[in-house]
Amino acid sequence: MSNESVNFDLKLKKKMIKQMNIMGEINWQLKVEVGELENKNLVLEKQAKKANENNEELNKTINKLLVELEKSKKEKDLVKNLKLKLN
């Protein structure tokens, strides 16, 4: 092998090593970013679950209040009817 050929091979190997290092760095950065996104996703899922639970509790409370309101209306109507009958 000639000197030029050896020098070319060395330069090529150095370039390949440099590219492999760059690719390794990019791969590492992507893994970090994916991990961060997965963590954010978990946080958002927990927040959504909590919001859903809070919604369910609010819906139960609203339904109870609606039932009580309906009972109150019926009682009010009964009292009104009794007053009318008494008069």
C-alpha atoms as a PDB file:
ATOM      1  CA  MET A   1       0.000   0.000   0.000  1.00  0.00           C
ATOM      2  CA  SER A   2       1.224   3.433  -0.846  1.00  0.00           C
ATOM      3  CA  ASN A   3       1.566   6.255   1.651  1.00  0.00           C
ATOM      4  CA  GLU A   4      -1.289   8.102  -0.025  1.00  0.00           C
ATOM      5  CA  SER A   5      -3.521   5.066   0.282  1.00  0.00           C
ATOM      6  CA  VAL A   6      -2.652   4.610   3.967  1.00  0.00           C
ATOM      7  CA  ASN A   7      -3.252   8.309   4.654  1.00  0.00           C
ATOM      8  CA  PHE A   8      -6.578   8.130   2.837  1.00  0.00           C
ATOM      9  CA  ASP A   9      -7.603   5.060   4.868  1.00  0.00           C
ATOM     10  CA  LEU A  10      -6.627   6.799   8.126  1.00  0.00           C
ATOM     11  CA  LYS A  11      -8.562   9.929   7.194  1.00  0.00           C
ATOM     12  CA  LEU A  12     -11.554   7.814   6.230  1.00  0.00           C
ATOM     13  CA  LYS A  13     -11.394   5.879   9.518  1.00  0.00           C
ATOM     14  CA  LYS A  14     -11.142   9.143  11.491  1.00  0.00           C
ATOM     15  CA  LYS A  15     -14.172  10.520   9.652  1.00  0.00           C
ATOM     16  CA  MET A  16     -16.105   7.319  10.295  1.00  0.00           C
ATOM     17  CA  ILE A  17     -15.206   7.394  13.996  1.00  0.00           C
ATOM     18  CA  LYS A  18     -16.219  11.048  14.189  1.00  0.00           C
ATOM     19  CA  GLN A  19     -19.543  10.268  12.488  1.00  0.00           C
ATOM     20  CA  MET A  20     -20.115   7.315  14.826  1.00  0.00           C
ATOM     21  CA  ASN A  21     -19.469   9.583  17.820  1.00  0.00           C
ATOM     22  CA  ILE A  22     -21.891  12.163  16.444  1.00  0.00           C
ATOM     23  CA  MET A  23     -24.512   9.462  15.843  1.00  0.00           C
ATOM     24  CA  GLY A  24     -23.958   8.141  19.357  1.00  0.00           C
ATOM     25  CA  GLU A  25     -24.466  11.642  20.775  1.00  0.00           C
ATOM     26  CA  ILE A  26     -27.629  12.146  18.726  1.00  0.00           C
ATOM     27  CA  ASN A  27     -28.915   8.737  19.822  1.00  0.00           C
ATOM     28  CA  TRP A  28     -28.228   9.578  23.476  1.00  0.00           C
ATOM     29  CA  GLN A  29     -29.983  12.956  23.146  1.00  0.00           C
ATOM     30  CA  LEU A  30     -32.993  11.289  21.555  1.00  0.00           C
ATOM     31  CA  LYS A  31     -33.167   8.729  24.364  1.00  0.00           C
ATOM     32  CA  VAL A  32     -33.063  11.550  26.926  1.00  0.00           C
ATOM     33  CA  GLU A  33     -35.805  13.449  25.096  1.00  0.00           C
ATOM     34  CA  VAL A  34     -37.958  10.320  24.802  1.00  0.00           C
ATOM     35  CA  GLY A  35     -37.510   9.678  28.523  1.00  0.00           C
ATOM     36  CA  GLU A  36     -38.527  13.247  29.332  1.00  0.00           C
ATOM     37  CA  LEU A  37     -41.588  12.950  27.099  1.00  0.00           C
ATOM     38  CA  GLU A  38     -42.549   9.655  28.734  1.00  0.00           C
ATOM     39  CA  ASN A  39     -42.267  11.289  32.167  1.00  0.00           C
ATOM     40  CA  LYS A  40     -44.403  14.234  31.034  1.00  0.00           C
ATOM     41  CA  ASN A  41     -46.912  11.775  29.615  1.00  0.00           C
ATOM     42  CA  LEU A  42     -47.126   9.946  32.951  1.00  0.00           C
ATOM     43  CA  VAL A  43     -47.664  13.239  34.781  1.00  0.00           C
ATOM     44  CA  LEU A  44     -50.399  14.232  32.331  1.00  0.00           C
ATOM     45  CA  GLU A  45     -52.067  10.825  32.668  1.00  0.00           C
ATOM     46  CA  LYS A  46     -52.080  11.181  36.469  1.00  0.00           C
ATOM     47  CA  GLN A  47     -53.500  14.703  36.208  1.00  0.00           C
ATOM     48  CA  ALA A  48     -56.188  13.515  33.792  1.00  0.00           C
ATOM     49  CA  LYS A  49     -57.089  10.633  36.105  1.00  0.00           C
ATOM     50  CA  LYS A  50     -57.334  13.007  39.088  1.00  0.00           C
ATOM     51  CA  ALA A  51     -59.457  15.456  37.083  1.00  0.00           C
ATOM     52  CA  ASN A  52     -61.716  12.595  36.028  1.00  0.00           C
ATOM     53  CA  GLU A  53     -62.090  11.452  39.642  1.00  0.00           C
ATOM     54  CA  ASN A  54     -62.905  15.023  40.684  1.00  0.00           C
ATOM     55  CA  ASN A  55     -65.463  15.206  37.877  1.00  0.00           C
ATOM     56  CA  GLU A  56     -67.082  11.993  39.065  1.00  0.00           C
ATOM     57  CA  GLU A  57     -67.313  13.359  42.610  1.00  0.00           C
ATOM     58  CA  LEU A  58     -68.801  16.614  41.344  1.00  0.00           C
ATOM     59  CA  ASN A  59     -71.323  14.700  39.237  1.00  0.00           C
ATOM     60  CA  LYS A  60     -72.351  12.616  42.256  1.00  0.00           C
ATOM     61  CA  THR A  61     -72.785  15.772  44.342  1.00  0.00           C
ATOM     62  CA  ILE A  62     -74.788  17.465  41.587  1.00  0.00           C
ATOM     63  CA  ASN A  63     -77.015  14.404  41.214  1.00  0.00           C
ATOM     64  CA  LYS A  64     -77.646  14.292  44.978  1.00  0.00           C
ATOM     65  CA  LEU A  65     -78.502  17.996  44.983  1.00  0.00           C
ATOM     66  CA  LEU A  66     -80.856  17.533  42.040  1.00  0.00           C
ATOM     67  CA  VAL A  67     -82.630  14.719  43.885  1.00  0.00           C
ATOM     68  CA  GLU A  68     -82.924  16.899  46.992  1.00  0.00           C
ATOM     69  CA  LEU A  69     -84.212  19.790  44.884  1.00  0.00           C
ATOM     70  CA  GLU A  70     -86.822  17.554  43.306  1.00  0.00           C
ATOM     71  CA  LYS A  71     -87.904  16.333  46.752  1.00  0.00           C
ATOM     72  CA  SER A  72     -88.077  19.924  47.939  1.00  0.00           C
ATOM     73  CA  LYS A  73     -90.232  20.915  44.965  1.00  0.00           C
ATOM     74  CA  LYS A  74     -92.577  18.001  45.644  1.00  0.00           C
ATOM     75  CA  GLU A  75     -92.799  18.935  49.321  1.00  0.00           C
ATOM     76  CA  LYS A  76     -93.449  22.556  48.390  1.00  0.00           C
ATOM     77  CA  ASP A  77     -96.194  21.457  46.001  1.00  0.00           C
ATOM     78  CA  LEU A  78     -97.715  19.275  48.730  1.00  0.00           C
ATOM     79  CA  VAL A  79     -97.727  22.175  51.184  1.00  0.00           C
ATOM     80  CA  LYS A  80     -99.233  24.449  48.545  1.00  0.00           C
ATOM     81  CA  ASN A  81    -101.958  21.901  47.770  1.00  0.00           C
ATOM     82  CA  LEU A  82    -102.698  21.427  51.461  1.00  0.00           C
ATOM     83  CA  LYS A  83    -103.029  25.185  51.931  1.00  0.00           C
ATOM     84  CA  LEU A  84    -105.392  25.358  48.971  1.00  0.00           C
ATOM     85  CA  LYS A  85    -107.502  22.537  50.388  1.00  0.00           C
ATOM     86  CA  LEU A  86    -107.618  24.194  53.790  1.00  0.00           C
ATOM     87  CA  ASN A  87    -108.799  27.483  52.336  1.00  0.00           C
END
